[in-house]
Amino acid sequence: MIDYTAEDIQTCKDVFAERLEELMGEKSSRQWSKENGIPNATVATWRLKQSLPKIEYFIAMAKHFGVSIDYLVGLED
């Protein structure tokens, strides 16, 4: 059985939000989401640490930024 806690999930949300900000650079959420075909409201929930992306978005972002999904959620540096 996969073992994780609510704290584990929140840590992933926290790290993901920080790394997304870093990878987006100077672009606003609105600009970045429009360029990448992701609803701005969806990106806002990620930045506010309220949710994590669906796997399809994780895959697309990993490819776009040239990083791993593990990096995006803090499982590797």
PDB file of N, CA and C in Angstrom:
ATOM      1  N   MET A   1       0.840  -1.185   0.000  1.00  0.00           N
ATOM      2  CA  MET A   1       0.000   0.000   0.000  1.00  0.00           C
ATOM      3  C   MET A   1       0.883   1.246   0.000  1.00  0.00           C
ATOM      4  N   ILE A   2       0.462   2.241  -0.744  1.00  0.00           N
ATOM      5  CA  ILE A   2       1.192   3.502  -0.800  1.00  0.00           C
ATOM      6  C   ILE A   2       0.915   4.264   0.490  1.00  0.00           C
ATOM      7  N   ASP A   3       1.986   4.719   1.114  1.00  0.00           N
ATOM      8  CA  ASP A   3       1.861   5.396   2.403  1.00  0.00           C
ATOM      9  C   ASP A   3       2.235   6.869   2.251  1.00  0.00           C
ATOM     10  N   TYR A   4       1.293   7.745   2.513  1.00  0.00           N
ATOM     11  CA  TYR A   4       1.555   9.173   2.499  1.00  0.00           C
ATOM     12  C   TYR A   4       0.600   9.847   3.475  1.00  0.00           C
ATOM     13  N   THR A   5       0.979  11.035   3.870  1.00  0.00           N
ATOM     14  CA  THR A   5       0.159  11.782   4.822  1.00  0.00           C
ATOM     15  C   THR A   5      -0.310  13.089   4.190  1.00  0.00           C
ATOM     16  N   ALA A   6      -1.234  13.729   4.837  1.00  0.00           N
ATOM     17  CA  ALA A   6      -1.687  15.048   4.384  1.00  0.00           C
ATOM     18  C   ALA A   6      -0.515  16.028   4.391  1.00  0.00           C
ATOM     19  N   GLU A   7       0.382  15.858   5.343  1.00  0.00           N
ATOM     20  CA  GLU A   7       1.567  16.717   5.413  1.00  0.00           C
ATOM     21  C   GLU A   7       2.465  16.501   4.190  1.00  0.00           C
ATOM     22  N   ASP A   8       2.600  15.250   3.745  1.00  0.00           N
ATOM     23  CA  ASP A   8       3.386  14.960   2.540  1.00  0.00           C
ATOM     24  C   ASP A   8       2.808  15.686   1.332  1.00  0.00           C
ATOM     25  N   ILE A   9       1.502  15.643   1.191  1.00  0.00           N
ATOM     26  CA  ILE A   9       0.839  16.295   0.071  1.00  0.00           C
ATOM     27  C   ILE A   9       1.020  17.809   0.144  1.00  0.00           C
ATOM     28  N   GLN A  10       0.875  18.378   1.331  1.00  0.00           N
ATOM     29  CA  GLN A  10       1.044  19.826   1.472  1.00  0.00           C
ATOM     30  C   GLN A  10       2.476  20.229   1.165  1.00  0.00           C
ATOM     31  N   THR A  11       3.443  19.424   1.564  1.00  0.00           N
ATOM     32  CA  THR A  11       4.835  19.717   1.244  1.00  0.00           C
ATOM     33  C   THR A  11       5.039  19.744  -0.265  1.00  0.00           C
ATOM     34  N   CYS A  12       4.448  18.799  -0.981  1.00  0.00           N
ATOM     35  CA  CYS A  12       4.530  18.777  -2.445  1.00  0.00           C
ATOM     36  C   CYS A  12       3.902  20.030  -3.037  1.00  0.00           C
ATOM     37  N   LYS A  13       2.759  20.450  -2.508  1.00  0.00           N
ATOM     38  CA  LYS A  13       2.101  21.671  -2.985  1.00  0.00           C
ATOM     39  C   LYS A  13       2.992  22.888  -2.754  1.00  0.00           C
ATOM     40  N   ASP A  14       3.606  22.946  -1.574  1.00  0.00           N
ATOM     41  CA  ASP A  14       4.478  24.072  -1.237  1.00  0.00           C
ATOM     42  C   ASP A  14       5.671  24.143  -2.179  1.00  0.00           C
ATOM     43  N   VAL A  15       6.350  23.015  -2.353  1.00  0.00           N
ATOM     44  CA  VAL A  15       7.533  22.975  -3.209  1.00  0.00           C
ATOM     45  C   VAL A  15       7.144  23.260  -4.656  1.00  0.00           C
ATOM     46  N   PHE A  16       6.058  22.660  -5.123  1.00  0.00           N
ATOM     47  CA  PHE A  16       5.632  22.887  -6.489  1.00  0.00           C
ATOM     48  C   PHE A  16       5.357  24.363  -6.737  1.00  0.00           C
ATOM     49  N   ALA A  17       4.655  25.021  -5.831  1.00  0.00           N
ATOM     50  CA  ALA A  17       4.348  26.444  -5.998  1.00  0.00           C
ATOM     51  C   ALA A  17       5.632  27.269  -6.096  1.00  0.00           C
ATOM     52  N   GLU A  18       6.606  26.961  -5.244  1.00  0.00           N
ATOM     53  CA  GLU A  18       7.879  27.688  -5.263  1.00  0.00           C
ATOM     54  C   GLU A  18       8.624  27.457  -6.571  1.00  0.00           C
ATOM     55  N   ARG A  19       8.675  26.208  -7.005  1.00  0.00           N
ATOM     56  CA  ARG A  19       9.421  25.891  -8.225  1.00  0.00           C
ATOM     57  C   ARG A  19       8.717  26.425  -9.470  1.00  0.00           C
ATOM     58  N   LEU A  20       7.403  26.424  -9.470  1.00  0.00           N
ATOM     59  CA  LEU A  20       6.676  26.988 -10.594  1.00  0.00           C
ATOM     60  C   LEU A  20       6.978  28.479 -10.718  1.00  0.00           C
ATOM     61  N   GLU A  21       6.961  29.182  -9.600  1.00  0.00           N
ATOM     62  CA  GLU A  21       7.286  30.612  -9.600  1.00  0.00           C
ATOM     63  C   GLU A  21       8.682  30.823 -10.192  1.00  0.00           C
ATOM     64  N   GLU A  22       9.624  30.031  -9.738  1.00  0.00           N
ATOM     65  CA  GLU A  22      11.004  30.131 -10.205  1.00  0.00           C
ATOM     66  C   GLU A  22      11.089  29.879 -11.715  1.00  0.00           C
ATOM     67  N   LEU A  23      10.436  28.833 -12.186  1.00  0.00           N
ATOM     68  CA  LEU A  23      10.515  28.450 -13.593  1.00  0.00           C
ATOM     69  C   LEU A  23       9.746  29.405 -14.511  1.00  0.00           C
ATOM     70  N   MET A  24       8.700  30.016 -13.999  1.00  0.00           N
ATOM     71  CA  MET A  24       7.927  30.976 -14.789  1.00  0.00           C
ATOM     72  C   MET A  24       8.703  32.259 -15.013  1.00  0.00           C
ATOM     73  N   GLY A  25       9.628  32.547 -14.144  1.00  0.00           N
ATOM     74  CA  GLY A  25      10.428  33.758 -14.275  1.00  0.00           C
ATOM     75  C   GLY A  25       9.605  35.001 -14.025  1.00  0.00           C
ATOM     76  N   GLU A  26       9.777  35.975 -14.876  1.00  0.00           N
ATOM     77  CA  GLU A  26       9.127  37.275 -14.708  1.00  0.00           C
ATOM     78  C   GLU A  26       7.701  37.323 -15.254  1.00  0.00           C
ATOM     79  N   LYS A  27       7.256  36.245 -15.881  1.00  0.00           N
ATOM     80  CA  LYS A  27       5.920  36.247 -16.475  1.00  0.00           C
ATOM     81  C   LYS A  27       4.836  36.197 -15.407  1.00  0.00           C
ATOM     82  N   SER A  28       3.758  36.893 -15.673  1.00  0.00           N
ATOM     83  CA  SER A  28       2.614  36.843 -14.766  1.00  0.00           C
ATOM     84  C   SER A  28       1.893  35.508 -14.973  1.00  0.00           C
ATOM     85  N   SER A  29       1.081  35.132 -14.008  1.00  0.00           N
ATOM     86  CA  SER A  29       0.292  33.899 -14.145  1.00  0.00           C
ATOM     87  C   SER A  29      -0.589  33.967 -15.381  1.00  0.00           C
ATOM     88  N   ARG A  30      -1.199  35.107 -15.587  1.00  0.00           N
ATOM     89  CA  ARG A  30      -2.111  35.270 -16.722  1.00  0.00           C
ATOM     90  C   ARG A  30      -1.366  35.076 -18.044  1.00  0.00           C
ATOM     91  N   GLN A  31      -0.226  35.708 -18.169  1.00  0.00           N
ATOM     92  CA  GLN A  31       0.557  35.599 -19.404  1.00  0.00           C
ATOM     93  C   GLN A  31       1.036  34.161 -19.605  1.00  0.00           C
ATOM     94  N   TRP A  32       1.603  33.565 -18.555  1.00  0.00           N
ATOM     95  CA  TRP A  32       2.140  32.214 -18.665  1.00  0.00           C
ATOM     96  C   TRP A  32       1.042  31.205 -18.966  1.00  0.00           C
ATOM     97  N   SER A  33      -0.090  31.326 -18.289  1.00  0.00           N
ATOM     98  CA  SER A  33      -1.181  30.374 -18.518  1.00  0.00           C
ATOM     99  C   SER A  33      -1.733  30.504 -19.936  1.00  0.00           C
ATOM    100  N   LYS A  34      -1.844  31.727 -20.433  1.00  0.00           N
ATOM    101  CA  LYS A  34      -2.341  31.933 -21.793  1.00  0.00           C
ATOM    102  C   LYS A  34      -1.384  31.326 -22.818  1.00  0.00           C
ATOM    103  N   GLU A  35      -0.090  31.550 -22.637  1.00  0.00           N
ATOM    104  CA  GLU A  35       0.911  31.018 -23.556  1.00  0.00           C
ATOM    105  C   GLU A  35       0.919  29.484 -23.572  1.00  0.00           C
ATOM    106  N   ASN A  36       0.540  28.877 -22.462  1.00  0.00           N
ATOM    107  CA  ASN A  36       0.631  27.429 -22.337  1.00  0.00           C
ATOM    108  C   ASN A  36      -0.710  26.715 -22.372  1.00  0.00           C
ATOM    109  N   GLY A  37      -1.779  27.456 -22.622  1.00  0.00           N
ATOM    110  CA  GLY A  37      -3.089  26.842 -22.777  1.00  0.00           C
ATOM    111  C   GLY A  37      -3.657  26.227 -21.513  1.00  0.00           C
ATOM    112  N   ILE A  38      -3.313  26.827 -20.388  1.00  0.00           N
ATOM    113  CA  ILE A  38      -3.805  26.353 -19.093  1.00  0.00           C
ATOM    114  C   ILE A  38      -4.674  27.466 -18.509  1.00  0.00           C
ATOM    115  N   PRO A  39      -5.872  27.149 -18.040  1.00  0.00           N
ATOM    116  CA  PRO A  39      -6.710  28.206 -17.469  1.00  0.00           C
ATOM    117  C   PRO A  39      -6.005  28.957 -16.338  1.00  0.00           C
ATOM    118  N   ASN A  40      -6.110  30.278 -16.354  1.00  0.00           N
ATOM    119  CA  ASN A  40      -5.467  31.092 -15.327  1.00  0.00           C
ATOM    120  C   ASN A  40      -5.944  30.714 -13.932  1.00  0.00           C
ATOM    121  N   ALA A  41      -7.210  30.381 -13.784  1.00  0.00           N
ATOM    122  CA  ALA A  41      -7.738  29.987 -12.465  1.00  0.00           C
ATOM    123  C   ALA A  41      -7.041  28.717 -11.968  1.00  0.00           C
ATOM    124  N   THR A  42      -6.713  27.822 -12.882  1.00  0.00           N
ATOM    125  CA  THR A  42      -6.010  26.591 -12.506  1.00  0.00           C
ATOM    126  C   THR A  42      -4.617  26.918 -11.999  1.00  0.00           C
ATOM    127  N   VAL A  43      -3.906  27.752 -12.730  1.00  0.00           N
ATOM    128  CA  VAL A  43      -2.554  28.153 -12.317  1.00  0.00           C
ATOM    129  C   VAL A  43      -2.615  28.866 -10.968  1.00  0.00           C
ATOM    130  N   ALA A  44      -3.634  29.666 -10.757  1.00  0.00           N
ATOM    131  CA  ALA A  44      -3.784  30.380  -9.482  1.00  0.00           C
ATOM    132  C   ALA A  44      -3.915  29.399  -8.313  1.00  0.00           C
ATOM    133  N   THR A  45      -4.664  28.310  -8.493  1.00  0.00           N
ATOM    134  CA  THR A  45      -4.793  27.340  -7.390  1.00  0.00           C
ATOM    135  C   THR A  45      -3.463  26.673  -7.088  1.00  0.00           C
ATOM    136  N   TRP A  46      -2.636  26.479  -8.111  1.00  0.00           N
ATOM    137  CA  TRP A  46      -1.300  25.906  -7.885  1.00  0.00           C
ATOM    138  C   TRP A  46      -0.428  26.887  -7.117  1.00  0.00           C
ATOM    139  N   ARG A  47      -0.444  28.139  -7.543  1.00  0.00           N
ATOM    140  CA  ARG A  47       0.406  29.157  -6.909  1.00  0.00           C
ATOM    141  C   ARG A  47      -0.025  29.439  -5.473  1.00  0.00           C
ATOM    142  N   LEU A  48      -1.314  29.269  -5.194  1.00  0.00           N
ATOM    143  CA  LEU A  48      -1.822  29.472  -3.835  1.00  0.00           C
ATOM    144  C   LEU A  48      -1.715  28.222  -2.966  1.00  0.00           C
ATOM    145  N   LYS A  49      -1.086  27.181  -3.524  1.00  0.00           N
ATOM    146  CA  LYS A  49      -0.845  25.921  -2.802  1.00  0.00           C
ATOM    147  C   LYS A  49      -2.136  25.213  -2.422  1.00  0.00           C
ATOM    148  N   GLN A  50      -3.161  25.383  -3.249  1.00  0.00           N
ATOM    149  CA  GLN A  50      -4.453  24.758  -2.989  1.00  0.00           C
ATOM    150  C   GLN A  50      -4.624  23.430  -3.707  1.00  0.00           C
ATOM    151  N   SER A  51      -3.867  23.221  -4.782  1.00  0.00           N
ATOM    152  CA  SER A  51      -3.991  21.971  -5.531  1.00  0.00           C
ATOM    153  C   SER A  51      -2.700  21.679  -6.269  1.00  0.00           C
ATOM    154  N   LEU A  52      -2.629  20.475  -6.800  1.00  0.00           N
ATOM    155  CA  LEU A  52      -1.525  20.055  -7.653  1.00  0.00           C
ATOM    156  C   LEU A  52      -2.084  19.779  -9.046  1.00  0.00           C
ATOM    157  N   PRO A  53      -1.234  19.896 -10.062  1.00  0.00           N
ATOM    158  CA  PRO A  53      -1.708  19.659 -11.430  1.00  0.00           C
ATOM    159  C   PRO A  53      -2.117  18.209 -11.674  1.00  0.00           C
ATOM    160  N   LYS A  54      -2.975  18.042 -12.678  1.00  0.00           N
ATOM    161  CA  LYS A  54      -3.274  16.713 -13.181  1.00  0.00           C
ATOM    162  C   LYS A  54      -1.996  16.199 -13.845  1.00  0.00           C
ATOM    163  N   ILE A  55      -1.892  14.888 -13.968  1.00  0.00           N
ATOM    164  CA  ILE A  55      -0.679  14.290 -14.519  1.00  0.00           C
ATOM    165  C   ILE A  55      -0.361  14.834 -15.905  1.00  0.00           C
ATOM    166  N   GLU A  56      -1.377  15.111 -16.716  1.00  0.00           N
ATOM    167  CA  GLU A  56      -1.148  15.643 -18.054  1.00  0.00           C
ATOM    168  C   GLU A  56      -0.409  16.977 -18.000  1.00  0.00           C
ATOM    169  N   TYR A  57      -0.775  17.824 -17.049  1.00  0.00           N
ATOM    170  CA  TYR A  57      -0.090  19.104 -16.888  1.00  0.00           C
ATOM    171  C   TYR A  57       1.320  18.897 -16.337  1.00  0.00           C
ATOM    172  N   PHE A  58       1.487  17.976 -15.404  1.00  0.00           N
ATOM    173  CA  PHE A  58       2.827  17.688 -14.888  1.00  0.00           C
ATOM    174  C   PHE A  58       3.756  17.263 -16.026  1.00  0.00           C
ATOM    175  N   ILE A  59       3.284  16.365 -16.878  1.00  0.00           N
ATOM    176  CA  ILE A  59       4.105  15.887 -17.993  1.00  0.00           C
ATOM    177  C   ILE A  59       4.460  17.047 -18.925  1.00  0.00           C
ATOM    178  N   ALA A  60       3.469  17.849 -19.279  1.00  0.00           N
ATOM    179  CA  ALA A  60       3.704  18.974 -20.181  1.00  0.00           C
ATOM    180  C   ALA A  60       4.691  19.976 -19.573  1.00  0.00           C
ATOM    181  N   MET A  61       4.547  20.284 -18.281  1.00  0.00           N
ATOM    182  CA  MET A  61       5.457  21.239 -17.643  1.00  0.00           C
ATOM    183  C   MET A  61       6.868  20.683 -17.533  1.00  0.00           C
ATOM    184  N   ALA A  62       7.001  19.411 -17.215  1.00  0.00           N
ATOM    185  CA  ALA A  62       8.323  18.796 -17.125  1.00  0.00           C
ATOM    186  C   ALA A  62       9.035  18.894 -18.473  1.00  0.00           C
ATOM    187  N   LYS A  63       8.317  18.603 -19.544  1.00  0.00           N
ATOM    188  CA  LYS A  63       8.899  18.719 -20.886  1.00  0.00           C
ATOM    189  C   LYS A  63       9.223  20.172 -21.215  1.00  0.00           C
ATOM    190  N   HIS A  64       8.286  21.057 -20.949  1.00  0.00           N
ATOM    191  CA  HIS A  64       8.448  22.478 -21.271  1.00  0.00           C
ATOM    192  C   HIS A  64       9.659  23.084 -20.555  1.00  0.00           C
ATOM    193  N   PHE A  65       9.808  22.789 -19.277  1.00  0.00           N
ATOM    194  CA  PHE A  65      10.881  23.377 -18.485  1.00  0.00           C
ATOM    195  C   PHE A  65      12.167  22.552 -18.500  1.00  0.00           C
ATOM    196  N   GLY A  66      12.111  21.327 -19.038  1.00  0.00           N
ATOM    197  CA  GLY A  66      13.298  20.477 -19.075  1.00  0.00           C
ATOM    198  C   GLY A  66      13.706  19.947 -17.712  1.00  0.00           C
ATOM    199  N   VAL A  67      12.710  19.643 -16.886  1.00  0.00           N
ATOM    200  CA  VAL A  67      12.953  19.103 -15.542  1.00  0.00           C
ATOM    201  C   VAL A  67      12.098  17.849 -15.366  1.00  0.00           C
ATOM    202  N   SER A  68      12.314  17.147 -14.279  1.00  0.00           N
ATOM    203  CA  SER A  68      11.502  15.973 -13.992  1.00  0.00           C
ATOM    204  C   SER A  68      10.292  16.344 -13.129  1.00  0.00           C
ATOM    205  N   ILE A  69       9.314  15.493 -13.154  1.00  0.00           N
ATOM    206  CA  ILE A  69       8.158  15.680 -12.266  1.00  0.00           C
ATOM    207  C   ILE A  69       8.637  15.583 -10.809  1.00  0.00           C
ATOM    208  N   ASP A  70       9.569  14.689 -10.539  1.00  0.00           N
ATOM    209  CA  ASP A  70      10.107  14.593  -9.187  1.00  0.00           C
ATOM    210  C   ASP A  70      10.692  15.933  -8.733  1.00  0.00           C
ATOM    211  N   TYR A  71      11.372  16.631  -9.633  1.00  0.00           N
ATOM    212  CA  TYR A  71      11.910  17.945  -9.296  1.00  0.00           C
ATOM    213  C   TYR A  71      10.770  18.918  -8.982  1.00  0.00           C
ATOM    214  N   LEU A  72       9.737  18.897  -9.813  1.00  0.00           N
ATOM    215  CA  LEU A  72       8.629  19.835  -9.632  1.00  0.00           C
ATOM    216  C   LEU A  72       7.959  19.713  -8.276  1.00  0.00           C
ATOM    217  N   VAL A  73       7.902  18.488  -7.726  1.00  0.00           N
ATOM    218  CA  VAL A  73       7.233  18.300  -6.436  1.00  0.00           C
ATOM    219  C   VAL A  73       8.198  18.129  -5.268  1.00  0.00           C
ATOM    220  N   GLY A  74       9.490  18.298  -5.521  1.00  0.00           N
ATOM    221  CA  GLY A  74      10.452  18.277  -4.430  1.00  0.00           C
ATOM    222  C   GLY A  74      10.994  16.918  -4.029  1.00  0.00           C
ATOM    223  N   LEU A  75      10.797  15.913  -4.876  1.00  0.00           N
ATOM    224  CA  LEU A  75      11.349  14.595  -4.556  1.00  0.00           C
ATOM    225  C   LEU A  75      12.808  14.477  -4.967  1.00  0.00           C
ATOM    226  N   GLU A  76      13.274  15.431  -5.762  1.00  0.00           N
ATOM    227  CA  GLU A  76      14.693  15.535  -6.096  1.00  0.00           C
ATOM    228  C   GLU A  76      15.035  17.000  -6.292  1.00  0.00           C
ATOM    229  N   ASP A  77      16.313  17.290  -6.150  1.00  0.00           N
ATOM    230  CA  ASP A  77      16.780  18.686  -6.324  1.00  0.00           C
ATOM    231  C   ASP A  77      17.400  18.890  -7.687  1.00  0.00           C
TER     232      ASP A  77
END
